[in-house]
Amino acid sequence: MDQDTLQAILREAVRGTVAEVIQLLLHLDQEAFLRENGGRKNGHYRRTLQTRF
């Protein structure tokens, strides 16, 4: 496996992991907000994270 292929694989793995962690943190934050505010929410929609990684 050459270095460029390995870098591409690692870049995609990092990108996927970062996206999953951020989605989890956003979900946990939303759950905490709902608990603190009696379950009232102001809408929700799925976002796509776009970063360099």
Protein backbone atom coordinates (compact mmCIF):
# COMPACT_ATOMS: atom_id res chain seq x y z
CA MET A 1 0.00 0.00 0.00
CA ASP A 2 1.50 3.34 -0.96
CA GLN A 3 1.58 6.42 1.26
CA ASP A 4 -1.14 8.30 -0.67
CA THR A 5 -3.58 5.41 -0.33
CA LEU A 6 -2.85 5.09 3.37
CA GLN A 7 -3.35 8.83 3.88
CA ALA A 8 -6.68 8.71 2.05
CA ILE A 9 -7.86 5.79 4.19
CA LEU A 10 -6.79 7.51 7.39
CA ARG A 11 -8.32 10.83 6.33
CA GLU A 12 -11.67 9.15 5.68
CA ALA A 13 -11.51 7.26 8.98
CA VAL A 14 -10.79 10.48 10.89
CA ARG A 15 -13.53 12.34 9.01
CA GLY A 16 -16.09 9.66 9.85
CA THR A 17 -15.05 9.45 13.49
CA VAL A 18 -15.11 13.23 13.97
CA ALA A 19 -18.56 13.45 12.37
CA GLU A 20 -19.91 10.67 14.62
CA VAL A 21 -18.49 12.25 17.78
CA ILE A 22 -19.85 15.70 16.94
CA GLN A 23 -23.27 14.25 16.10
CA LEU A 24 -23.29 12.42 19.43
CA LEU A 25 -22.29 15.55 21.33
CA LEU A 26 -24.99 17.59 19.60
CA HIS A 27 -27.58 14.93 20.42
CA LEU A 28 -26.50 14.82 24.07
CA ASP A 29 -26.63 18.61 24.24
CA GLN A 30 -30.14 18.57 22.77
CA GLU A 31 -31.28 15.96 25.31
CA ALA A 32 -29.84 18.03 28.17
CA PHE A 33 -31.60 21.15 26.86
CA LEU A 34 -34.92 19.31 26.65
CA ARG A 35 -34.55 17.98 30.20
CA GLU A 36 -33.78 21.46 31.52
CA ASN A 37 -36.65 23.10 29.60
CA GLY A 38 -39.47 20.67 30.23
CA GLY A 39 -39.25 18.95 26.87
CA ARG A 40 -40.01 22.09 24.87
CA LYS A 41 -38.11 22.34 21.63
CA ASN A 42 -37.95 24.76 18.78
CA GLY A 43 -37.58 22.45 15.78
CA HIS A 44 -34.86 20.12 14.61
CA TYR A 45 -33.27 19.19 11.36
CA ARG A 46 -30.31 17.03 10.40
CA ARG A 47 -27.16 18.88 9.49
CA THR A 48 -24.19 17.75 7.46
CA LEU A 49 -20.84 18.61 8.93
CA GLN A 50 -18.30 19.83 6.41
CA THR A 51 -14.76 20.29 7.63
CA ARG A 52 -11.29 19.95 6.25
CA PHE A 53 -11.07 16.60 7.98
